[in-house]
C-alpha atoms as a PDB file:
ATOM      1  CA  MET A   1     -65.688  54.377 140.967  1.00  0.00           C
ATOM      2  CA  LYS A   2     -68.903  56.472 141.268  1.00  0.00           C
ATOM      3  CA  ILE A   3     -69.133  59.316 143.714  1.00  0.00           C
ATOM      4  CA  THR A   4     -72.423  59.700 145.476  1.00  0.00           C
ATOM      5  CA  GLN A   5     -74.092  63.090 145.649  1.00  0.00           C
ATOM      6  CA  GLU A   6     -73.732  63.081 149.473  1.00  0.00           C
ATOM      7  CA  THR A   7     -69.919  62.387 149.244  1.00  0.00           C
ATOM      8  CA  PHE A   8     -69.545  65.003 146.514  1.00  0.00           C
ATOM      9  CA  ASN A   9     -71.326  67.661 148.601  1.00  0.00           C
ATOM     10  CA  ALA A  10     -69.139  66.854 151.624  1.00  0.00           C
ATOM     11  CA  THR A  11     -65.952  67.128 149.464  1.00  0.00           C
ATOM     12  CA  LEU A  12     -67.203  70.340 147.879  1.00  0.00           C
ATOM     13  CA  GLN A  13     -67.795  71.836 151.383  1.00  0.00           C
ATOM     14  CA  GLN A  14     -64.259  70.809 152.487  1.00  0.00           C
ATOM     15  CA  ILE A  15     -62.771  72.471 149.417  1.00  0.00           C
ATOM     16  CA  LYS A  16     -64.674  75.771 150.138  1.00  0.00           C
ATOM     17  CA  GLU A  17     -63.502  75.710 153.710  1.00  0.00           C
ATOM     18  CA  MET A  18     -59.862  75.129 152.727  1.00  0.00           C
ATOM     19  CA  ILE A  19     -60.249  78.098 150.253  1.00  0.00           C
ATOM     20  CA  ASP A  20     -61.658  80.320 153.091  1.00  0.00           C
ATOM     21  CA  GLN A  21     -58.721  79.350 155.264  1.00  0.00           C
ATOM     22  CA  GLY A  22     -56.190  80.024 152.439  1.00  0.00           C
ATOM     23  CA  GLN A  23     -55.171  76.429 152.174  1.00  0.00           C
ATOM     24  CA  TRP A  24     -54.781  76.751 148.397  1.00  0.00           C
ATOM     25  CA  LEU A  25     -52.528  73.877 147.731  1.00  0.00           C
ATOM     26  CA  ASP A  26     -54.751  71.341 149.666  1.00  0.00           C
ATOM     27  CA  ALA A  27     -57.901  72.745 147.998  1.00  0.00           C
ATOM     28  CA  HIS A  28     -56.296  72.521 144.507  1.00  0.00           C
ATOM     29  CA  ARG A  29     -55.255  68.917 145.245  1.00  0.00           C
ATOM     30  CA  SER A  30     -58.825  67.961 146.330  1.00  0.00           C
ATOM     31  CA  CYS A  31     -60.265  69.530 143.164  1.00  0.00           C
ATOM     32  CA  ILE A  32     -57.761  67.424 141.004  1.00  0.00           C
ATOM     33  CA  GLU A  33     -58.782  64.278 142.944  1.00  0.00           C
ATOM     34  CA  VAL A  34     -62.520  64.869 142.263  1.00  0.00           C
ATOM     35  CA  LEU A  35     -61.816  65.647 138.558  1.00  0.00           C
ATOM     36  CA  ARG A  36     -60.070  62.292 138.177  1.00  0.00           C
ATOM     37  CA  PHE A  37     -63.414  60.541 138.768  1.00  0.00           C
ATOM     38  CA  ASP A  38     -65.680  63.274 137.304  1.00  0.00           C
ATOM     39  CA  PRO A  39     -63.773  65.282 134.587  1.00  0.00           C
ATOM     40  CA  GLU A  40     -66.804  67.196 133.480  1.00  0.00           C
ATOM     41  CA  ASN A  41     -67.947  68.448 136.949  1.00  0.00           C
ATOM     42  CA  ILE A  42     -68.433  72.168 136.207  1.00  0.00           C
ATOM     43  CA  LYS A  43     -68.654  73.277 139.868  1.00  0.00           C
ATOM     44  CA  VAL A  44     -65.264  71.700 140.662  1.00  0.00           C
ATOM     45  CA  ILE A  45     -63.697  73.030 137.493  1.00  0.00           C
ATOM     46  CA  ARG A  46     -64.792  76.576 138.398  1.00  0.00           C
ATOM     47  CA  LEU A  47     -63.380  76.145 141.928  1.00  0.00           C
ATOM     48  CA  LYS A  48     -60.162  74.844 140.473  1.00  0.00           C
ATOM     49  CA  ASN A  49     -59.945  77.894 138.139  1.00  0.00           C
ATOM     50  CA  LYS A  50     -60.704  80.222 140.991  1.00  0.00           C
ATOM     51  CA  ILE A  51     -57.982  78.606 143.140  1.00  0.00           C
ATOM     52  CA  GLU A  52     -55.422  78.891 140.302  1.00  0.00           C
ATOM     53  CA  LYS A  53     -56.416  82.429 139.567  1.00  0.00           C
ATOM     54  CA  LYS A  54     -56.088  83.388 143.178  1.00  0.00           C
ATOM     55  CA  VAL A  55     -52.740  81.656 143.521  1.00  0.00           C
ATOM     56  CA  ARG A  56     -51.422  83.351 140.464  1.00  0.00           C
ATOM     57  CA  LYS A  57     -52.408  86.670 141.949  1.00  0.00           C
ATOM     58  CA  ILE A  58     -50.780  85.786 145.180  1.00  0.00           C
ATOM     59  CA  ASN A  59     -47.618  84.592 143.430  1.00  0.00           C
ATOM     60  CA  ILE A  60     -47.420  87.786 141.394  1.00  0.00           C
ATOM     61  CA  GLU A  61     -47.708  89.925 144.602  1.00  0.00           C
ATOM     62  CA  ALA A  62     -44.993  87.679 146.174  1.00  0.00           C
ATOM     63  CA  ILE A  63     -42.851  88.155 143.014  1.00  0.00           C
ATOM     64  CA  LYS A  64     -43.227  91.845 143.080  1.00  0.00           C
ATOM     65  CA  SER A  65     -42.311  91.859 146.742  1.00  0.00           C
ATOM     66  CA  ASP A  66     -39.186  89.739 145.996  1.00  0.00           C
ATOM     67  CA  MET A  67     -38.207  91.856 143.123  1.00  0.00           C
ATOM     68  CA  LYS A  68     -38.493  95.026 145.326  1.00  0.00           C
ATOM     69  CA  GLN A  69     -36.212  93.377 147.764  1.00  0.00           C
ATOM     70  CA  LEU A  70     -33.657  92.611 145.074  1.00  0.00           C
ATOM     71  CA  MET A  71     -33.355  96.235 143.951  1.00  0.00           C
ATOM     72  CA  PRO A  72     -30.625  97.114 146.525  1.00  0.00           C
ATOM     73  CA  LEU A  73     -28.636  94.232 145.230  1.00  0.00           C
ATOM     74  CA  TRP A  74     -29.040  95.499 141.611  1.00  0.00           C
ATOM     75  CA  LYS A  75     -27.914  99.005 142.623  1.00  0.00           C
ATOM     76  CA  ALA A  76     -24.901  97.505 144.419  1.00  0.00           C
ATOM     77  CA  LYS A  77     -24.078  95.459 141.322  1.00  0.00           C
ATOM     78  CA  ASN A  78     -24.032  92.320 143.457  1.00  0.00           C
ATOM     79  CA  TYR A  79     -24.660  90.028 140.442  1.00  0.00           C
ATOM     80  CA  PRO A  80     -23.773  86.759 142.058  1.00  0.00           C
ATOM     81  CA  ALA A  81     -26.353  87.258 144.919  1.00  0.00           C
ATOM     82  CA  LEU A  82     -28.836  88.458 142.351  1.00  0.00           C
ATOM     83  CA  MET A  83     -28.353  85.374 140.236  1.00  0.00           C
ATOM     84  CA  GLU A  84     -28.858  83.077 143.217  1.00  0.00           C
ATOM     85  CA  ASN A  85     -32.218  84.759 143.920  1.00  0.00           C
ATOM     86  CA  ILE A  86     -33.284  84.661 140.241  1.00  0.00           C
ATOM     87  CA  ARG A  87     -32.672  80.887 140.218  1.00  0.00           C
ATOM     88  CA  LEU A  88     -35.151  80.593 143.059  1.00  0.00           C
ATOM     89  CA  LEU A  89     -37.757  82.536 141.182  1.00  0.00           C
ATOM     90  CA  ALA A  90     -37.211  80.575 137.909  1.00  0.00           C
ATOM     91  CA  PRO A  91     -40.474  78.547 138.135  1.00  0.00           C
ATOM     92  CA  TYR A  92     -42.497  81.817 138.120  1.00  0.00           C
ATOM     93  CA  ILE A  93     -40.631  83.694 135.321  1.00  0.00           C
ATOM     94  CA  ASP A  94     -43.278  82.758 132.682  1.00  0.00           C
ATOM     95  CA  GLU A  95     -46.120  84.016 134.917  1.00  0.00           C
ATOM     96  CA  TYR A  96     -44.799  87.546 135.221  1.00  0.00           C
ATOM     97  CA  LYS A  97     -43.249  89.258 132.329  1.00  0.00           C
ATOM     98  CA  PRO A  98     -41.405  91.965 134.316  1.00  0.00           C
ATOM     99  CA  LEU A  99     -39.726  89.170 136.222  1.00  0.00           C
ATOM    100  CA  LYS A 100     -38.643  87.585 132.963  1.00  0.00           C
ATOM    101  CA  LYS A 101     -37.237  90.822 131.675  1.00  0.00           C
ATOM    102  CA  PHE A 102     -35.357  91.399 134.979  1.00  0.00           C
ATOM    103  CA  ALA A 103     -33.980  87.914 134.906  1.00  0.00           C
ATOM    104  CA  LEU A 104     -32.633  88.360 131.452  1.00  0.00           C
ATOM    105  CA  ALA A 105     -30.949  91.573 132.490  1.00  0.00           C
ATOM    106  CA  VAL A 106     -29.470  90.025 135.626  1.00  0.00           C
ATOM    107  CA  GLU A 107     -28.187  87.080 133.594  1.00  0.00           C
ATOM    108  CA  LYS A 108     -26.470  89.335 131.069  1.00  0.00           C
ATOM    109  CA  GLU A 109     -24.787  91.432 133.781  1.00  0.00           C
ATOM    110  CA  TYR A 110     -23.845  88.330 135.654  1.00  0.00           C
ATOM    111  CA  GLN A 111     -22.054  86.887 132.612  1.00  0.00           C
ATOM    112  CA  ASN A 112     -20.269  90.218 132.151  1.00  0.00           C
ATOM    113  CA  PHE A 113     -19.249  90.101 135.776  1.00  0.00           C
ATOM    114  CA  VAL A 114     -17.954  86.616 135.527  1.00  0.00           C
ATOM    115  CA  LEU A 115     -15.889  87.462 132.365  1.00  0.00           C
ATOM    116  CA  ALA A 116     -14.488  90.540 134.158  1.00  0.00           C
ATOM    117  CA  GLU A 117     -13.595  88.416 137.289  1.00  0.00           C
ATOM    118  CA  GLN A 118     -11.977  85.776 135.089  1.00  0.00           C
ATOM    119  CA  GLU A 119      -9.994  88.376 133.236  1.00  0.00           C
ATOM    120  CA  LYS A 120      -8.773  89.858 136.553  1.00  0.00           C
ATOM    121  CA  ASN A 121      -7.851  86.474 137.866  1.00  0.00           C
ATOM    122  CA  TYR A 122      -6.131  85.670 134.644  1.00  0.00           C
ATOM    123  CA  HIS A 123      -3.812  88.638 134.908  1.00  0.00           C
ATOM    124  CA  GLN A 124      -3.182  87.806 138.578  1.00  0.00           C
ATOM    125  CA  ASP A 125      -2.268  84.281 137.619  1.00  0.00           C
ATOM    126  CA  ILE A 126       0.072  85.461 134.921  1.00  0.00           C
ATOM    127  CA  GLY A 127       1.867  87.624 137.472  1.00  0.00           C
ATOM    128  CA  THR A 128       2.018  84.634 139.874  1.00  0.00           C
ATOM    129  CA  ILE A 129       3.567  82.439 137.124  1.00  0.00           C
ATOM    130  CA  LYS A 130       6.204  85.150 136.384  1.00  0.00           C
ATOM    131  CA  ASP A 131       7.088  85.160 140.078  1.00  0.00           C
ATOM    132  CA  LEU A 132       7.393  81.305 140.059  1.00  0.00           C
ATOM    133  CA  ILE A 133       9.760  81.492 137.059  1.00  0.00           C
ATOM    134  CA  GLY A 134      11.937  83.872 138.899  1.00  0.00           C
ATOM    135  CA  LYS A 135      11.966  81.463 141.862  1.00  0.00           C
ATOM    136  CA  LYS A 136      12.775  78.462 139.366  1.00  0.00           C
ATOM    137  CA  GLN A 137       9.591  76.848 140.527  1.00  0.00           C
ATOM    138  CA  PHE A 138       8.753  75.742 136.932  1.00  0.00           C
ATOM    139  CA  GLN A 139       6.535  72.806 137.879  1.00  0.00           C
ATOM    140  CA  GLU A 140       4.176  74.950 140.002  1.00  0.00           C
ATOM    141  CA  GLY A 141       4.218  77.554 137.082  1.00  0.00           C
ATOM    142  CA  ILE A 142       3.157  74.946 134.558  1.00  0.00           C
ATOM    143  CA  ARG A 143       0.407  73.644 136.850  1.00  0.00           C
ATOM    144  CA  LEU A 144      -1.022  77.076 137.160  1.00  0.00           C
ATOM    145  CA  ALA A 145      -0.693  77.734 133.393  1.00  0.00           C
ATOM    146  CA  GLU A 146      -2.534  74.415 132.745  1.00  0.00           C
ATOM    147  CA  LYS A 147      -5.433  75.790 134.811  1.00  0.00           C
ATOM    148  CA  LEU A 148      -5.616  78.766 132.546  1.00  0.00           C
ATOM    149  CA  ARG A 149      -5.588  76.506 129.498  1.00  0.00           C
ATOM    150  CA  ILE A 150      -8.531  74.586 130.853  1.00  0.00           C
ATOM    151  CA  GLN A 151     -10.430  77.801 131.404  1.00  0.00           C
ATOM    152  CA  LYS A 152      -9.785  78.526 127.632  1.00  0.00           C
ATOM    153  CA  MET A 153      -8.688  82.118 128.279  1.00  0.00           C
ATOM    154  CA  HIS A 154      -6.191  83.737 125.818  1.00  0.00           C
ATOM    155  CA  LEU A 155      -5.270  80.290 124.502  1.00  0.00           C
ATOM    156  CA  PRO A 156      -2.573  81.343 122.057  1.00  0.00           C
ATOM    157  CA  GLU A 157      -0.822  83.302 124.863  1.00  0.00           C
ATOM    158  CA  VAL A 158      -1.258  80.548 127.362  1.00  0.00           C
ATOM    159  CA  TYR A 159       0.189  77.814 124.993  1.00  0.00           C
ATOM    160  CA  LYS A 160       3.176  79.911 124.338  1.00  0.00           C
ATOM    161  CA  LEU A 161       3.587  80.497 128.006  1.00  0.00           C
ATOM    162  CA  ILE A 162       3.407  76.831 128.728  1.00  0.00           C
ATOM    163  CA  SER A 163       5.941  75.963 125.986  1.00  0.00           C
ATOM    164  CA  ASP A 164       8.302  78.683 127.274  1.00  0.00           C
ATOM    165  CA  LEU A 165       8.053  77.355 130.845  1.00  0.00           C
ATOM    166  CA  ARG A 166       8.991  73.881 129.757  1.00  0.00           C
ATOM    167  CA  LYS A 167      11.998  75.212 127.741  1.00  0.00           C
ATOM    168  CA  LYS A 168      13.166  77.228 130.755  1.00  0.00           C
ATOM    169  CA  TRP A 169      12.686  74.281 133.064  1.00  0.00           C
ATOM    170  CA  VAL A 170      14.741  72.090 130.774  1.00  0.00           C
ATOM    171  CA  ASP A 171      17.570  74.798 130.536  1.00  0.00           C
ATOM    172  CA  TYR A 172      17.665  75.175 134.226  1.00  0.00           C
ATOM    173  CA  GLU A 173      17.937  71.275 134.710  1.00  0.00           C
ATOM    174  CA  ILE A 174      20.711  71.149 132.173  1.00  0.00           C
ATOM    175  CA  GLU A 175      22.652  73.889 133.894  1.00  0.00           C
ATOM    176  CA  CYS A 176      22.231  72.141 137.290  1.00  0.00           C
ATOM    177  CA  LYS A 177      23.730  69.053 135.707  1.00  0.00           C
ATOM    178  CA  ARG A 178      26.679  70.844 134.150  1.00  0.00           C
ATOM    179  CA  ALA A 179      29.249  68.882 136.207  1.00  0.00           C
ATOM    180  CA  LEU A 180      27.943  65.586 134.804  1.00  0.00           C
ATOM    181  CA  LEU A 181      27.567  66.828 131.193  1.00  0.00           C
ATOM    182  CA  ASN A 182      31.326  67.867 131.146  1.00  0.00           C
ATOM    183  CA  THR A 183      32.331  64.269 131.733  1.00  0.00           C
ATOM    184  CA  ASP A 184      32.426  61.277 129.430  1.00  0.00           C
ATOM    185  CA  LYS A 185      29.841  59.314 131.469  1.00  0.00           C
ATOM    186  CA  TRP A 186      27.703  58.989 128.420  1.00  0.00           C
ATOM    187  CA  GLU A 187      25.310  56.293 129.801  1.00  0.00           C
ATOM    188  CA  ASP A 188      24.433  58.474 132.837  1.00  0.00           C
ATOM    189  CA  ILE A 189      24.105  61.562 130.543  1.00  0.00           C
ATOM    190  CA  ILE A 190      21.716  59.694 128.220  1.00  0.00           C
ATOM    191  CA  LEU A 191      19.529  58.639 131.242  1.00  0.00           C
ATOM    192  CA  PHE A 192      19.541  62.271 132.393  1.00  0.00           C
ATOM    193  CA  TYR A 193      18.449  63.621 128.941  1.00  0.00           C
ATOM    194  CA  GLN A 194      15.786  60.927 128.801  1.00  0.00           C
ATOM    195  CA  GLY A 195      14.495  62.018 132.121  1.00  0.00           C
ATOM    196  CA  LEU A 196      14.049  65.565 130.691  1.00  0.00           C
ATOM    197  CA  LEU A 197      11.492  64.218 128.214  1.00  0.00           C
ATOM    198  CA  ARG A 198       9.183  63.998 131.149  1.00  0.00           C
ATOM    199  CA  ILE A 199       9.235  67.722 131.285  1.00  0.00           C
ATOM    200  CA  ASP A 200       8.901  68.314 127.497  1.00  0.00           C
ATOM    201  CA  GLY A 201       8.227  65.187 125.554  1.00  0.00           C
ATOM    202  CA  LYS A 202       8.173  67.048 122.202  1.00  0.00           C
ATOM    203  CA  SER A 203      11.428  68.950 122.707  1.00  0.00           C
ATOM    204  CA  ALA A 204      13.613  68.747 119.566  1.00  0.00           C
ATOM    205  CA  LYS A 205      16.600  70.077 121.614  1.00  0.00           C
ATOM    206  CA  ILE A 206      16.393  67.111 124.057  1.00  0.00           C
ATOM    207  CA  LYS A 207      15.977  64.536 121.345  1.00  0.00           C
ATOM    208  CA  ASN A 208      19.070  66.097 119.518  1.00  0.00           C
ATOM    209  CA  LEU A 209      21.095  65.972 122.747  1.00  0.00           C
ATOM    210  CA  ILE A 210      20.138  62.357 123.302  1.00  0.00           C
ATOM    211  CA  GLU A 211      21.278  61.441 119.769  1.00  0.00           C
ATOM    212  CA  LYS A 212      24.584  63.312 120.235  1.00  0.00           C
ATOM    213  CA  ALA A 213      25.151  61.636 123.530  1.00  0.00           C
ATOM    214  CA  LYS A 214      24.436  58.221 121.984  1.00  0.00           C
ATOM    215  CA  LYS A 215      27.020  58.930 119.312  1.00  0.00           C
ATOM    216  CA  HIS A 216      29.524  59.901 121.843  1.00  0.00           C
ATOM    217  CA  SER A 217      28.785  56.738 123.905  1.00  0.00           C
ATOM    218  CA  GLN A 218      29.224  54.703 120.692  1.00  0.00           C
ATOM    219  CA  MET A 219      32.545  56.370 119.855  1.00  0.00           C
ATOM    220  CA  LYS A 220      33.721  55.659 123.467  1.00  0.00           C
ATOM    221  CA  ARG A 221      32.887  52.005 123.208  1.00  0.00           C
ATOM    222  CA  ILE A 222      34.703  51.872 119.860  1.00  0.00           C
ATOM    223  CA  GLU A 223      37.716  53.530 121.349  1.00  0.00           C
ATOM    224  CA  GLU A 224      37.669  51.196 124.360  1.00  0.00           C
ATOM    225  CA  LYS A 225      37.302  48.245 122.068  1.00  0.00           C
ATOM    226  CA  ARG A 226      40.187  49.474 119.871  1.00  0.00           C
ATOM    227  CA  ASP A 227      42.340  50.052 122.947  1.00  0.00           C
ATOM    228  CA  TYR A 228      41.472  46.643 124.358  1.00  0.00           C
ATOM    229  CA  ILE A 229      42.284  44.946 121.020  1.00  0.00           C
ATOM    230  CA  TYR A 230      45.572  46.927 120.521  1.00  0.00           C
ATOM    231  CA  SER A 231      46.781  46.085 124.085  1.00  0.00           C
ATOM    232  CA  GLY A 232      45.650  42.501 123.713  1.00  0.00           C
ATOM    233  CA  LEU A 233      47.620  42.093 120.429  1.00  0.00           C
ATOM    234  CA  GLU A 234      50.742  43.554 122.210  1.00  0.00           C
ATOM    235  CA  LYS A 235      50.342  41.174 125.060  1.00  0.00           C
ATOM    236  CA  ILE A 236      50.009  38.280 122.575  1.00  0.00           C
ATOM    237  CA  LYS A 237      53.167  39.374 120.818  1.00  0.00           C
ATOM    238  CA  THR A 238      55.082  39.396 124.138  1.00  0.00           C
ATOM    239  CA  LEU A 239      53.750  35.963 125.109  1.00  0.00           C
ATOM    240  CA  PHE A 240      54.976  34.610 121.779  1.00  0.00           C
ATOM    241  CA  GLN A 241      58.385  36.080 122.450  1.00  0.00           C
ATOM    242  CA  LEU A 242      58.253  34.304 125.838  1.00  0.00           C
ATOM    243  CA  LYS A 243      57.118  31.097 124.146  1.00  0.00           C
ATOM    244  CA  LYS A 244      53.993  31.022 126.323  1.00  0.00           C
ATOM    245  CA  TYR A 245      51.874  29.764 123.464  1.00  0.00           C
ATOM    246  CA  GLU A 246      48.931  28.451 125.514  1.00  0.00           C
ATOM    247  CA  SER A 247      48.523  31.827 127.190  1.00  0.00           C
ATOM    248  CA  ALA A 248      48.769  33.574 123.761  1.00  0.00           C
ATOM    249  CA  MET A 249      46.143  31.278 122.350  1.00  0.00           C
ATOM    250  CA  ILE A 250      43.787  32.163 125.241  1.00  0.00           C
ATOM    251  CA  ALA A 251      44.459  35.929 124.785  1.00  0.00           C
ATOM    252  CA  ALA A 252      43.913  35.759 121.073  1.00  0.00           C
ATOM    253  CA  ASN A 253      40.536  33.857 121.544  1.00  0.00           C
ATOM    254  CA  GLU A 254      39.433  36.555 124.001  1.00  0.00           C
ATOM    255  CA  ILE A 255      39.970  39.276 121.349  1.00  0.00           C
ATOM    256  CA  ILE A 256      38.112  37.184 118.730  1.00  0.00           C
ATOM    257  CA  MET A 257      35.080  36.994 121.026  1.00  0.00           C
ATOM    258  CA  VAL A 258      35.143  40.832 121.207  1.00  0.00           C
ATOM    259  CA  ASP A 259      36.023  41.320 117.511  1.00  0.00           C
ATOM    260  CA  PRO A 260      35.240  38.145 115.436  1.00  0.00           C
ATOM    261  CA  GLU A 261      36.535  39.843 112.209  1.00  0.00           C
ATOM    262  CA  ASN A 262      39.961  40.632 113.643  1.00  0.00           C
ATOM    263  CA  LYS A 263      42.306  38.888 111.269  1.00  0.00           C
ATOM    264  CA  LYS A 264      45.435  39.599 113.360  1.00  0.00           C
ATOM    265  CA  ALA A 265      43.986  37.919 116.454  1.00  0.00           C
ATOM    266  CA  GLY A 266      42.854  34.973 114.194  1.00  0.00           C
ATOM    267  CA  GLU A 267      46.444  34.538 112.821  1.00  0.00           C
ATOM    268  CA  TYR A 268      47.879  34.632 116.338  1.00  0.00           C
ATOM    269  CA  ALA A 269      45.255  32.072 117.484  1.00  0.00           C
ATOM    270  CA  ASP A 270      46.163  29.706 114.655  1.00  0.00           C
ATOM    271  CA  LYS A 271      49.890  30.015 115.136  1.00  0.00           C
ATOM    272  CA  ALA A 272      49.496  29.534 118.954  1.00  0.00           C
ATOM    273  CA  LYS A 273      47.369  26.599 118.421  1.00  0.00           C
ATOM    274  CA  ILE A 274      50.033  24.977 116.147  1.00  0.00           C
ATOM    275  CA  LYS A 275      52.755  25.714 118.622  1.00  0.00           C
ATOM    276  CA  VAL A 276      50.715  24.343 121.526  1.00  0.00           C
ATOM    277  CA  ALA A 277      50.058  21.251 119.626  1.00  0.00           C
ATOM    278  CA  ARG A 278      53.794  20.762 118.818  1.00  0.00           C
ATOM    279  CA  LEU A 279      54.683  21.333 122.401  1.00  0.00           C
ATOM    280  CA  ILE A 280      52.197  18.687 123.427  1.00  0.00           C
ATOM    281  CA  ASP A 281      53.596  16.310 120.774  1.00  0.00           C
ATOM    282  CA  LYS A 282      57.119  17.010 121.883  1.00  0.00           C
ATOM    283  CA  GLU A 283      56.243  16.585 125.529  1.00  0.00           C
ATOM    284  CA  LEU A 284      54.574  13.199 124.735  1.00  0.00           C
ATOM    285  CA  ILE A 285      57.587  11.962 122.882  1.00  0.00           C
ATOM    286  CA  GLN A 286      59.893  13.004 125.637  1.00  0.00           C
ATOM    287  CA  GLN A 287      57.566  11.256 128.204  1.00  0.00           C
ATOM    288  CA  MET A 288      57.692   8.108 126.048  1.00  0.00           C
ATOM    289  CA  LYS A 289      61.469   8.142 125.842  1.00  0.00           C
ATOM    290  CA  SER A 290      61.774   8.664 129.501  1.00  0.00           C
ATOM    291  CA  SER A 291      59.351   5.808 130.175  1.00  0.00           C
ATOM    292  CA  ILE A 292      61.436   3.468 127.896  1.00  0.00           C
ATOM    293  CA  LYS A 293      64.674   4.475 129.494  1.00  0.00           C
ATOM    294  CA  LYS A 294      63.242   3.879 132.985  1.00  0.00           C
ATOM    295  CA  ASN A 295      61.922   0.417 131.984  1.00  0.00           C
ATOM    296  CA  LYS A 296      65.351  -0.582 130.705  1.00  0.00           C
ATOM    297  CA  GLN A 297      66.870   0.550 134.006  1.00  0.00           C
ATOM    298  CA  ASP A 298      64.280  -1.357 136.023  1.00  0.00           C
ATOM    299  CA  TYR A 299      64.838  -4.470 133.839  1.00  0.00           C
ATOM    300  CA  ARG A 300      68.521  -4.424 134.593  1.00  0.00           C
ATOM    301  CA  LEU A 301      67.877  -4.126 138.243  1.00  0.00           C
ATOM    302  CA  ASP A 302      65.311  -7.000 138.471  1.00  0.00           C
ATOM    303  CA  LYS A 303      65.116  -9.210 135.462  1.00  0.00           C
ATOM    304  CA  LYS A 304      63.206 -11.906 137.237  1.00  0.00           C
ATOM    305  CA  ASN A 305      59.994  -9.817 137.416  1.00  0.00           C
ATOM    306  CA  TYR A 306      59.871  -9.061 133.650  1.00  0.00           C
ATOM    307  CA  ILE A 307      58.472 -11.569 131.032  1.00  0.00           C
ATOM    308  CA  LYS A 308      59.805 -11.463 127.565  1.00  0.00           C
ATOM    309  CA  LEU A 309      57.466 -11.903 124.609  1.00  0.00           C
END
């Protein structure tokens, strides 16, 4: 698109008027717009440079004024407020070397300030954690210690603190459950110990307690099984003495279900089976004899109803 001389003169006049009125941004934009179509126009280039030079001078004066206003904050060592203002002036740092130097000094002091505040807060949090331990509020203590860990402050000390907190919490929970732990309710005890792993999943102490409880539970089951078998064998012996062989066979088979390798129960089961079979045979024979005898008696009483083969 070609600009006519008349249009150019009018635009040039507008730019000069904007400059006279201090409308630097609008004047600069107009120069850029003209140079898009006529990049070599020396008049517009000079106007553009004049505007930029003037704006730079205005900016520097404004920066000086802003820096002067920041001095009370510097003297008061109010580094957070200073840092906020320096961020606002960041686009102009490269235009004014004193501002760049001042910004570096503020940033350095601000970092020192932040570190000092973090250190102060760290010691306050450590004191709070110790108070929480005294109140047995271990979960809250761990939560606060984890916050310190995330902040990466005094990590070796914090890791040790978290570990100690978990151990103290576990010990406290164990002491609270002392009544249960003094019983032989091993299944409940195992569940309790497994719950403690949520507090400290890596605790060798808890894992050892779980293994010991499992061994006790297993021993208890073995003893109960032994007692059951012993009492069952005594019961079978008594049933034999009472000649209640069918009940003895049932009792023997119950023991075999619990302990398939129990030879004594197997022997009793075999003996009882034989005895039961003999009793059945004997009963059948007796029934047959009774039936024959009855038939004979019925025949004598009513011979006409019977047919001889």
